[in-house]
Protein backbone atom coordinates (compact mmCIF):
# COMPACT_ATOMS: atom_id res chain seq x y z
CA UNK A 1 -29.75 -12.68 20.32
CA UNK A 2 -31.17 -9.51 18.83
CA UNK A 3 -29.54 -7.41 21.32
CA UNK A 4 -26.30 -9.00 20.90
CA UNK A 5 -26.57 -8.47 17.12
CA UNK A 6 -27.34 -4.91 17.40
CA UNK A 7 -24.45 -4.28 19.66
CA UNK A 8 -22.17 -6.04 17.66
CA UNK A 9 -23.19 -4.38 14.49
CA UNK A 10 -23.06 -0.80 16.12
CA UNK A 11 -19.69 -1.39 17.47
CA UNK A 12 -18.17 -2.85 14.44
CA UNK A 13 -19.60 0.21 12.44
CA UNK A 14 -18.11 2.70 15.17
CA UNK A 15 -14.78 1.10 14.76
CA UNK A 16 -14.97 1.10 10.88
CA UNK A 17 -16.24 4.71 10.70
CA UNK A 18 -13.17 5.82 13.09
CA UNK A 19 -10.60 3.63 10.98
CA UNK A 20 -11.97 5.26 7.56
CA UNK A 21 -11.81 8.85 8.74
CA UNK A 22 -8.32 8.48 10.31
CA UNK A 23 -6.95 6.85 7.30
CA UNK A 24 -8.50 9.13 4.82
CA UNK A 25 -8.11 12.16 6.78
CA UNK A 26 -4.37 11.53 7.32
CA UNK A 27 -3.82 10.73 3.68
CA UNK A 28 -5.18 14.00 2.70
CA UNK A 29 -3.30 16.00 5.10
CA UNK A 30 0.06 14.24 4.80
CA UNK A 31 0.63 13.33 1.09
CA UNK A 32 3.69 11.49 0.63
CA UNK A 33 5.68 8.86 -1.41
CA UNK A 34 7.35 5.93 0.51
CA UNK A 35 8.72 4.42 -2.62
CA UNK A 36 8.47 5.58 -6.17
CA UNK A 37 6.94 2.14 -7.20
CA UNK A 38 3.53 3.31 -5.55
CA UNK A 39 3.15 5.92 -8.39
CA UNK A 40 5.23 4.53 -11.31
CA UNK A 41 4.27 0.75 -11.31
CA UNK A 42 0.69 1.23 -10.11
CA UNK A 43 -1.02 4.59 -10.76
CA UNK A 44 1.11 6.18 -13.52
CA UNK A 45 0.33 3.12 -15.96
CA UNK A 46 -3.23 3.39 -14.57
CA UNK A 47 -3.17 7.13 -15.87
CA UNK A 48 -1.53 6.32 -19.08
CA UNK A 49 -4.40 3.79 -19.71
CA UNK A 50 -7.03 6.17 -18.82
CA UNK A 51 -5.93 9.63 -20.37
CA UNK A 52 -3.56 8.42 -23.05
CA UNK A 53 -0.10 9.73 -21.53
CA UNK A 54 2.32 8.94 -18.77
CA UNK A 55 6.07 8.23 -17.99
CA UNK A 56 6.76 4.62 -18.74
CA UNK A 57 9.41 2.71 -16.46
CA UNK A 58 11.40 -0.33 -17.40
CA UNK A 59 8.85 -2.72 -15.85
CA UNK A 60 6.23 -1.74 -18.33
CA UNK A 61 8.60 -1.57 -21.25
CA UNK A 62 9.89 -5.13 -20.57
CA UNK A 63 6.69 -6.52 -19.53
CA UNK A 64 7.64 -7.41 -15.87
CA UNK A 65 4.22 -6.23 -14.31
CA UNK A 66 0.71 -7.01 -14.70
CA UNK A 67 -1.86 -4.55 -15.93
CA UNK A 68 -4.67 -5.95 -13.78
CA UNK A 69 -3.99 -3.61 -10.64
CA UNK A 70 -3.29 -0.60 -12.85
CA UNK A 71 -6.54 -1.50 -14.70
CA UNK A 72 -8.47 -1.31 -11.93
CA UNK A 73 -7.10 1.87 -10.57
CA UNK A 74 -7.68 3.10 -14.17
CA UNK A 75 -11.24 2.65 -13.85
CA UNK A 76 -11.43 4.32 -10.23
CA UNK A 77 -9.66 7.36 -12.17
CA UNK A 78 -12.16 7.42 -15.04
CA UNK A 79 -15.06 7.31 -12.60
CA UNK A 80 -13.84 9.89 -10.03
CA UNK A 81 -12.15 12.49 -12.30
CA UNK A 82 -15.29 14.68 -11.90
CA UNK A 83 -14.60 15.01 -8.07
CA UNK A 84 -12.09 17.91 -8.42
CA UNK A 85 -10.03 20.35 -10.66
CA UNK A 86 -6.89 18.98 -12.38
CA UNK A 87 -5.67 15.72 -10.89
CA UNK A 88 -7.29 16.22 -7.58
CA UNK A 89 -10.50 14.66 -8.26
CA UNK A 90 -9.20 11.18 -9.39
CA UNK A 91 -6.41 11.26 -6.52
CA UNK A 92 -9.03 11.60 -3.85
CA UNK A 93 -10.89 8.81 -5.56
CA UNK A 94 -8.07 6.44 -5.68
CA UNK A 95 -7.33 7.57 -1.89
CA UNK A 96 -10.97 6.57 -1.07
CA UNK A 97 -11.00 3.34 -3.15
CA UNK A 98 -7.76 2.18 -1.35
CA UNK A 99 -8.64 3.18 2.31
CA UNK A 100 -12.15 1.42 1.77
CA UNK A 101 -10.36 -1.73 0.65
CA UNK A 102 -7.79 -1.43 3.81
CA UNK A 103 -10.88 -1.69 6.00
CA UNK A 104 -11.25 -5.45 5.27
CA UNK A 105 -8.49 -5.77 8.00
CA UNK A 106 -10.70 -3.96 10.52
CA UNK A 107 -13.50 -6.30 9.85
CA UNK A 108 -11.57 -9.29 10.02
CA UNK A 109 -9.94 -8.36 13.17
CA UNK A 110 -13.29 -7.67 14.78
CA UNK A 111 -14.69 -10.93 13.57
CA UNK A 112 -11.42 -12.65 14.35
CA UNK A 113 -11.71 -11.49 17.99
CA UNK A 114 -15.34 -12.20 18.25
CA UNK A 115 -14.75 -15.95 17.16
CA UNK A 116 -12.08 -16.30 19.70
CA UNK A 117 -13.26 -14.42 22.82
CA UNK A 118 -16.37 -12.63 22.37
CA UNK A 119 -17.50 -9.15 21.83
CA UNK A 120 -14.86 -7.45 24.24
CA UNK A 121 -11.95 -9.06 22.10
CA UNK A 122 -13.62 -7.99 19.10
CA UNK A 123 -13.66 -4.39 19.89
CA UNK A 124 -10.16 -4.37 21.32
CA UNK A 125 -8.52 -6.04 18.31
CA UNK A 126 -10.40 -3.95 15.67
CA UNK A 127 -9.55 -0.79 17.83
CA UNK A 128 -5.91 -1.70 18.00
CA UNK A 129 -5.83 -2.26 14.27
CA UNK A 130 -7.74 0.86 13.66
CA UNK A 131 -5.24 3.15 15.04
CA UNK A 132 -2.03 1.58 14.48
CA UNK A 133 0.35 3.89 12.45
CA UNK A 134 1.71 1.42 9.91
CA UNK A 135 -1.90 0.23 9.12
CA UNK A 136 -2.82 3.83 8.71
CA UNK A 137 0.01 4.95 6.92
CA UNK A 138 -0.05 2.19 4.19
CA UNK A 139 -3.75 2.14 3.69
CA UNK A 140 -3.82 4.53 0.95
CA UNK A 141 -0.64 3.49 -0.72
CA UNK A 142 -0.92 1.80 -4.03
CA UNK A 143 1.63 -0.96 -3.59
CA UNK A 144 0.72 -4.48 -4.70
CA UNK A 145 1.96 -5.99 -1.48
CA UNK A 146 -0.50 -3.58 0.69
CA UNK A 147 -3.40 -4.70 -1.52
CA UNK A 148 -2.49 -8.57 -1.23
CA UNK A 149 -2.30 -7.90 2.53
CA UNK A 150 -5.99 -6.60 2.65
CA UNK A 151 -7.02 -9.55 0.49
CA UNK A 152 -5.07 -12.36 2.12
CA UNK A 153 -6.12 -11.73 5.69
CA UNK A 154 -9.89 -12.11 5.04
CA UNK A 155 -9.14 -15.07 2.63
CA UNK A 156 -7.50 -16.78 5.49
CA UNK A 157 -10.26 -15.84 7.98
CA UNK A 158 -12.86 -17.50 5.69
CA UNK A 159 -10.71 -20.63 5.39
CA UNK A 160 -10.47 -21.06 9.13
CA UNK A 161 -14.01 -20.00 10.41
CA UNK A 162 -17.44 -20.22 9.10
CA UNK A 163 -20.57 -22.26 9.27
CA UNK A 164 -20.07 -26.08 8.53
CA UNK A 165 -23.13 -26.27 5.89
CA UNK A 166 -21.46 -23.49 3.89
CA UNK A 167 -17.96 -24.73 3.93
CA UNK A 168 -17.70 -25.53 0.23
CA UNK A 169 -18.81 -21.86 -0.98
CA UNK A 170 -16.88 -20.51 2.02
CA UNK A 171 -13.70 -22.17 1.04
CA UNK A 172 -13.95 -21.43 -2.65
CA UNK A 173 -14.34 -17.60 -1.81
CA UNK A 174 -11.36 -18.21 0.58
CA UNK A 175 -9.25 -19.29 -2.25
CA UNK A 176 -10.39 -16.46 -4.48
CA UNK A 177 -9.06 -14.02 -1.94
CA UNK A 178 -5.81 -15.84 -1.32
CA UNK A 179 -5.51 -16.46 -5.21
CA UNK A 180 -5.92 -12.56 -5.53
CA UNK A 181 -3.40 -11.93 -3.13
CA UNK A 182 -0.99 -14.60 -4.62
CA UNK A 183 -1.40 -13.03 -8.20
CA UNK A 184 -0.68 -9.33 -6.97
CA UNK A 185 2.40 -10.62 -4.99
CA UNK A 186 3.80 -13.92 -6.16
CA UNK A 187 6.37 -13.87 -3.17
CA UNK A 188 3.49 -14.80 -0.90
CA UNK A 189 3.40 -18.26 -2.72
CA UNK A 190 4.99 -19.93 0.43
CA UNK A 191 2.63 -18.24 2.92
CA UNK A 192 -0.70 -19.21 0.75
CA UNK A 193 0.38 -22.75 0.14
CA UNK A 194 0.94 -23.14 4.19
CA UNK A 195 -2.37 -21.59 4.68
CA UNK A 196 -4.04 -24.09 2.27
CA UNK A 197 -2.27 -26.85 4.03
CA UNK A 198 -3.39 -25.76 7.34
CA UNK A 199 -6.86 -25.31 6.50
CA UNK A 200 -7.37 -28.33 4.45
CA UNK A 201 -5.32 -30.94 6.06
CA UNK A 202 -6.21 -34.35 4.54
CA UNK A 203 -9.74 -33.46 3.35
CA UNK A 204 -9.22 -33.67 -0.24
CA UNK A 205 -12.49 -33.58 -1.82
CA UNK A 206 -14.21 -31.62 0.93
CA UNK A 207 -11.83 -28.88 1.40
CA UNK A 208 -9.01 -28.91 -0.92
CA UNK A 209 -11.04 -29.05 -4.22
CA UNK A 210 -13.04 -25.84 -3.63
CA UNK A 211 -10.16 -23.80 -2.18
CA UNK A 212 -7.67 -24.92 -4.99
CA UNK A 213 -10.36 -24.01 -7.51
CA UNK A 214 -10.75 -20.64 -5.80
CA UNK A 215 -7.12 -20.01 -5.98
CA UNK A 216 -6.79 -20.97 -9.67
CA UNK A 217 -9.66 -18.47 -10.84
CA UNK A 218 -7.78 -15.25 -10.31
CA UNK A 219 -4.35 -16.58 -10.86
CA UNK A 220 -5.51 -17.87 -14.44
CA UNK A 221 -7.37 -14.56 -14.84
CA UNK A 222 -4.11 -12.70 -14.46
CA UNK A 223 -2.33 -15.05 -16.86
CA UNK A 224 -5.22 -14.30 -19.46
CA UNK A 225 -4.60 -10.68 -19.09
CA UNK A 226 -0.91 -10.91 -19.51
CA UNK A 227 -1.62 -12.91 -22.79
CA UNK A 228 -3.77 -10.07 -24.08
CA UNK A 229 -1.31 -7.17 -22.85
CA UNK A 230 1.98 -8.83 -23.28
CA UNK A 231 3.22 -11.34 -25.41
CA UNK A 232 2.35 -14.55 -23.64
CA UNK A 233 0.49 -15.86 -20.50
CA UNK A 234 2.00 -15.22 -17.05
CA UNK A 235 4.70 -13.05 -18.89
CA UNK A 236 4.88 -10.56 -15.98
CA UNK A 237 5.34 -13.21 -13.47
CA UNK A 238 8.38 -14.97 -15.39
CA UNK A 239 9.71 -11.69 -16.46
CA UNK A 240 10.08 -10.22 -13.03
CA UNK A 241 11.55 -13.35 -11.71
CA UNK A 242 14.10 -13.51 -14.50
CA UNK A 243 15.18 -9.64 -14.63
CA UNK A 244 15.29 -9.39 -10.62
CA UNK A 245 16.40 -12.65 -9.61
CA UNK A 246 18.43 -14.13 -12.61
CA UNK A 247 19.71 -10.94 -13.93
CA UNK A 248 20.12 -9.37 -10.51
CA UNK A 249 18.43 -5.93 -11.47
CA UNK A 250 16.66 -5.56 -8.08
CA UNK A 251 20.28 -5.50 -6.55
CA UNK A 252 20.71 -2.13 -7.99
CA UNK A 253 17.89 -0.75 -5.61
CA UNK A 254 19.85 -1.82 -2.39
CA UNK A 255 21.25 -4.94 -0.84
CA UNK A 256 20.32 -6.10 3.00
CA UNK A 257 21.58 -8.95 5.09
CA UNK A 258 19.75 -11.84 5.98
CA UNK A 259 18.53 -10.13 8.98
CA UNK A 260 17.42 -6.90 7.38
CA UNK A 261 13.78 -7.27 8.24
CA UNK A 262 14.40 -7.55 11.94
CA UNK A 263 16.43 -4.37 11.63
CA UNK A 264 13.36 -2.76 10.05
CA UNK A 265 11.10 -3.77 12.87
CA UNK A 266 13.46 -2.37 15.46
CA UNK A 267 13.71 0.76 13.38
CA UNK A 268 9.95 0.97 13.30
CA UNK A 269 8.78 -0.21 16.51
CA UNK A 270 11.93 0.57 18.95
CA UNK A 271 11.06 -0.47 22.45
CA UNK A 272 7.45 -1.41 21.46
CA UNK A 273 8.91 -4.55 19.61
CA UNK A 274 9.07 -6.41 23.06
CA UNK A 275 5.48 -5.82 24.45
CA UNK A 276 4.07 -6.28 20.79
CA UNK A 277 6.06 -9.54 20.42
CA UNK A 278 4.87 -10.70 23.68
CA UNK A 279 1.25 -9.80 23.19
CA UNK A 280 1.40 -11.69 19.76
CA UNK A 281 2.79 -14.69 21.33
CA UNK A 282 -0.32 -14.56 23.90
CA UNK A 283 -2.62 -13.87 20.78
CA UNK A 284 -1.13 -16.85 18.67
CA UNK A 285 -2.39 -19.59 21.33
CA UNK A 286 -5.98 -19.01 20.13
CA UNK A 287 -4.85 -17.95 16.43
CA UNK A 288 -1.72 -20.04 15.46
CA UNK A 289 -2.18 -19.79 11.89
CA UNK A 290 -1.77 -15.95 11.83
CA UNK A 291 1.75 -16.63 13.77
CA UNK A 292 2.85 -19.09 11.29
CA UNK A 293 2.12 -17.03 8.28
CA UNK A 294 3.80 -14.15 9.67
CA UNK A 295 6.90 -16.03 10.23
CA UNK A 296 6.70 -17.77 6.69
CA UNK A 297 6.47 -14.25 4.99
CA UNK A 298 9.34 -12.66 6.91
CA UNK A 299 11.45 -15.59 6.34
CA UNK A 300 10.61 -16.30 2.73
CA UNK A 301 11.36 -12.60 2.00
CA UNK A 302 14.58 -12.71 3.96
CA UNK A 303 16.24 -15.33 1.47
CA UNK A 304 16.01 -12.30 -1.17
CA UNK A 305 18.93 -9.94 -1.00
CA UNK A 306 16.87 -6.86 -1.92
CA UNK A 307 14.59 -5.97 1.11
CA UNK A 308 11.89 -3.17 1.62
CA UNK A 309 9.92 -2.95 4.69
CA UNK A 310 6.68 -2.66 2.62
CA UNK A 311 7.71 -6.24 1.35
CA UNK A 312 6.51 -7.82 4.71
CA UNK A 313 3.48 -5.41 5.30
CA UNK A 314 1.18 -8.69 5.24
CA UNK A 315 3.15 -10.07 8.11
CA UNK A 316 2.91 -6.71 10.07
CA UNK A 317 -0.81 -6.71 9.73
CA UNK A 318 -0.91 -10.38 11.09
CA UNK A 319 1.39 -9.27 14.04
CA UNK A 320 -0.86 -6.32 14.99
CA UNK A 321 -3.91 -8.65 14.91
CA UNK A 322 -2.22 -11.11 17.10
CA UNK A 323 -1.07 -8.26 19.43
CA UNK A 324 -4.80 -7.08 19.42
CA UNK A 325 -5.94 -10.51 20.40
CA UNK A 326 -3.45 -10.92 23.06
CA UNK A 327 -4.29 -7.60 24.47
CA UNK A 328 -7.87 -8.53 24.52
CA UNK A 329 -7.13 -11.94 26.33
CA UNK A 330 -5.15 -10.13 29.12
CA UNK A 331 -8.25 -7.48 29.59
CA UNK A 332 -10.88 -10.29 29.44
CA UNK A 333 -8.91 -12.32 32.22
CA UNK A 334 -8.57 -9.26 34.40
CA UNK A 335 -12.16 -8.43 33.73
CA UNK A 336 -13.52 -11.76 35.24
CA UNK A 337 -12.49 -10.20 38.57
CA UNK A 338 -14.68 -7.43 38.18
CA UNK A 339 -18.44 -7.36 38.84
CA UNK A 340 -19.28 -4.11 37.16
CA UNK A 341 -19.49 -3.69 33.35
CA UNK A 342 -18.57 0.18 33.76
CA UNK A 343 -15.15 -0.99 34.81
CA UNK A 344 -15.01 -3.26 31.86
CA UNK A 345 -15.79 -0.28 29.47
CA UNK A 346 -13.35 1.89 31.29
CA UNK A 347 -10.56 -0.81 30.99
CA UNK A 348 -11.26 -1.17 27.17
CA UNK A 349 -11.14 2.69 26.74
CA UNK A 350 -7.88 2.80 28.74
CA UNK A 351 -6.52 0.27 26.37
CA UNK A 352 -7.27 1.77 23.34
CA UNK A 353 -5.90 5.18 24.65
CA UNK A 354 -2.85 3.51 25.48
CA UNK A 355 -2.32 1.77 22.12
CA UNK A 356 -3.41 5.16 20.46
CA UNK A 357 -0.73 7.10 22.34
CA UNK A 358 1.95 4.58 21.63
CA UNK A 359 1.09 4.31 17.92
CA UNK A 360 1.35 8.27 17.75
CA UNK A 361 4.72 8.28 19.49
CA UNK A 362 6.10 5.58 17.13
CA UNK A 363 4.63 7.41 14.04
CA UNK A 364 6.69 10.44 14.92
CA UNK A 365 9.94 8.34 15.70
CA UNK A 366 9.82 5.36 13.23
CA UNK A 367 12.70 5.45 10.67
CA UNK A 368 10.93 3.16 8.32
CA UNK A 369 8.20 5.56 7.21
CA UNK A 370 8.16 9.17 6.46
CA UNK A 371 4.91 11.27 6.43
CA UNK A 372 6.58 14.16 4.63
CA UNK A 373 8.66 12.40 1.80
CA UNK A 374 8.39 13.98 -1.50
CA UNK A 375 5.29 15.98 -0.31
CA UNK A 376 6.73 19.37 -2.11
CA UNK A 377 6.78 17.59 -5.31
CA UNK A 378 3.35 16.36 -4.99
CA UNK A 379 2.00 19.65 -4.27
CA UNK A 380 3.75 21.35 -6.78
CA UNK A 381 2.51 18.95 -9.55
CA UNK A 382 -0.92 19.09 -8.30
CA UNK A 383 -0.75 22.92 -8.47
CA UNK A 384 0.46 22.64 -11.98
CA UNK A 385 -2.52 20.40 -13.02
CA UNK A 386 -4.59 23.29 -12.53
CA UNK A 387 -2.63 25.80 -14.34
CA UNK A 388 -3.68 26.74 -17.78
CA UNK A 389 -0.68 28.42 -19.05
CA UNK A 390 1.47 25.52 -18.43
CA UNK A 391 3.35 24.38 -21.64
CA UNK A 392 6.31 22.69 -20.17
CA UNK A 393 7.77 21.70 -16.75
CA UNK A 394 11.24 20.95 -15.95
CA UNK A 395 12.90 19.15 -12.86
CA UNK A 396 15.74 21.00 -11.38
CA UNK A 397 17.67 18.87 -8.70
CA UNK A 398 14.93 16.31 -8.59
CA UNK A 399 15.28 12.82 -10.33
CA UNK A 400 12.30 11.72 -12.36
CA UNK A 401 11.41 8.99 -9.85
CA UNK A 402 11.00 11.48 -7.24
CA UNK A 403 8.63 13.42 -9.22
CA UNK A 404 4.94 12.94 -8.94
CA UNK A 405 4.82 11.87 -12.67
CA UNK A 406 1.56 12.62 -15.00
CA UNK A 407 -0.57 10.93 -12.32
CA UNK A 408 -0.30 14.23 -10.09
CA UNK A 409 0.54 16.65 -13.17
CA UNK A 410 -2.41 15.39 -15.22
CA UNK A 411 -1.27 17.81 -18.28
CA UNK A 412 -0.05 16.46 -21.67
CA UNK A 413 3.10 18.72 -21.70
CA UNK A 414 6.71 17.59 -21.91
CA UNK A 415 8.51 17.10 -18.48
CA UNK A 416 12.15 17.78 -18.80
CA UNK A 417 15.01 16.14 -16.78
CA UNK A 418 17.61 18.86 -16.18
CA UNK A 419 20.94 17.68 -14.77
CA UNK A 420 23.08 20.63 -15.14
CA UNK A 421 23.32 24.20 -16.49
CA UNK A 422 23.90 23.05 -20.08
CA UNK A 423 20.78 21.29 -20.02
CA UNK A 424 18.97 24.24 -18.61
CA UNK A 425 20.25 26.77 -21.37
CA UNK A 426 19.59 24.20 -24.27
CA UNK A 427 16.02 23.49 -23.34
CA UNK A 428 14.46 26.54 -21.48
CA UNK A 429 12.69 27.68 -24.38
CA UNK A 430 10.41 24.62 -24.26
CA UNK A 431 9.47 24.96 -20.54
CA UNK A 432 7.76 27.86 -18.77
CA UNK A 433 7.81 26.20 -15.23
CA UNK A 434 10.37 24.61 -13.15
CA UNK A 435 9.97 22.51 -10.31
CA UNK A 436 13.36 22.44 -8.16
CA UNK A 437 14.74 21.33 -4.71
CA UNK A 438 17.73 23.55 -5.36
CA UNK A 439 17.77 27.34 -6.42
CA UNK A 440 17.81 28.05 -10.04
CA UNK A 441 21.27 29.14 -11.13
CA UNK A 442 21.55 33.22 -11.59
CA UNK A 443 21.45 33.32 -15.18
CA UNK A 444 17.95 32.17 -15.29
CA UNK A 445 16.59 34.61 -13.06
CA UNK A 446 13.65 35.36 -15.44
CA UNK A 447 12.04 32.52 -13.71
CA UNK A 448 10.08 34.03 -10.86
CA UNK A 449 9.43 32.07 -7.68
CA UNK A 450 6.07 31.33 -6.97
CA UNK A 451 5.69 29.13 -3.99
CA UNK A 452 7.82 26.93 -1.99
CA UNK A 453 6.89 23.51 0.17
CA UNK A 454 9.83 23.14 2.37
CA UNK A 455 12.69 22.28 -0.12
CA UNK A 456 10.58 22.16 -3.17
CA UNK A 457 9.89 25.36 -5.00
CA UNK A 458 8.05 26.24 -8.11
CA UNK A 459 9.12 28.95 -10.48
CA UNK A 460 7.53 30.47 -13.55
CA UNK A 461 8.84 32.11 -16.66
CA UNK A 462 6.41 34.56 -18.70
CA UNK A 463 5.66 33.64 -22.41
CA UNK A 464 5.06 30.42 -24.13
CA UNK A 465 6.91 27.41 -25.27
CA UNK A 466 8.70 26.48 -28.31
CA UNK A 467 7.69 22.83 -29.50
CA UNK A 468 10.29 20.35 -28.84
CA UNK A 469 10.93 16.68 -29.90
CA UNK A 470 12.17 15.96 -26.45
CA UNK A 471 10.53 13.10 -24.81
CA UNK A 472 11.08 11.96 -21.33
CA UNK A 473 10.14 8.17 -22.05
CA UNK A 474 12.87 8.09 -24.55
CA UNK A 475 15.30 9.43 -22.32
CA UNK A 476 14.33 6.69 -19.76
CA UNK A 477 14.67 3.98 -22.43
CA UNK A 478 18.27 5.17 -23.21
CA UNK A 479 19.16 5.08 -19.56
CA UNK A 480 17.63 1.90 -18.87
CA UNK A 481 15.25 3.07 -16.22
């Protein structure tokens, strides 16, 4: 037993270390923005809460978002700002925090595999989740649905597995994790409700009471935070539903047909969709709850006209775990024919190498994610965060939501939105740096090119800036953005 425990602990530690290095290393090497929400709905309000200034989007003017997640990120920013000059310190801190949180998927994959089929299944399942490109890509993303996925999966695991004499405590913590996921992403309500029914069945006192108590705790906490930060309890929930569903504001950001998520999966996995589905079906025979939850998440989100691939990230995580379990079952069945443990080790390594190769190929060909989107804007703003002569920066050919915001700029100077030459002429005396994706017009050649990152270039004008009453937040309010 001691030997088995040691092997299990060492293997789990090795897989966790591999996953963390892969996630953190790639996040630093390939900074990008999939969708503006990962900055302006989470990190930007966190920056404003911590340092006192930032861009305010309509969600945080109308009270349609909770302050809980930005508040947590604000604490991380405050604690890690010392780690680097300008914005680099706390950006690294936030990346580390989110990558560490994403490791819950690796731990649960290992434990789930171990519970169902033993140590070999644990290593394979966790290994698959460690190297899969979507789990690596989304790990450092400050999206509510991503963090919700990293909480929901361990919550479901605690609800399904555990020692009988610890059932009440275990179910309470399972409820807390599911409740946190639900509070972060209210659209997960059908999945959480199904998980509770599946876990508890008819045991009202023994199971329903502790798990529901656990769920209500964080949900009520979010409501209390809304009461103090907005006008009334749960305002962010109701306001988001009203504005996006009743008023249809979300439709302004795109509309997809009912089969939109199937289209996303095909674009992301290509020919890999068939083997992943096949392996997931095999894995579902031992862990059907993960399959049902994945289906419910996709179907419940398919009802909504506005669709984004990140919305079903919790389902993607569960499918990859199932595919890992299915792979492990096939390897285990073949391994029963081998008398040598060396052959089993070779089979496991070859299996993980195959998954890694497929993941790498799909990472380069997937049309649902982009490893270099807005990279230049992020790099330019981070460089300006260390520039002491900066007194104003203008965006030329770049919409505000494609910028890096004050989260990356980290300088309390005005950001100007330039739409045409007239704007440039009227406001040029109030900024001495320009970040542009198109060349500066000829009359303004006193702005000297400093550096380019692909299509994004940084220009500087010598001299100081004339104070102005221009305010980007007032401009966005007038435009309803």
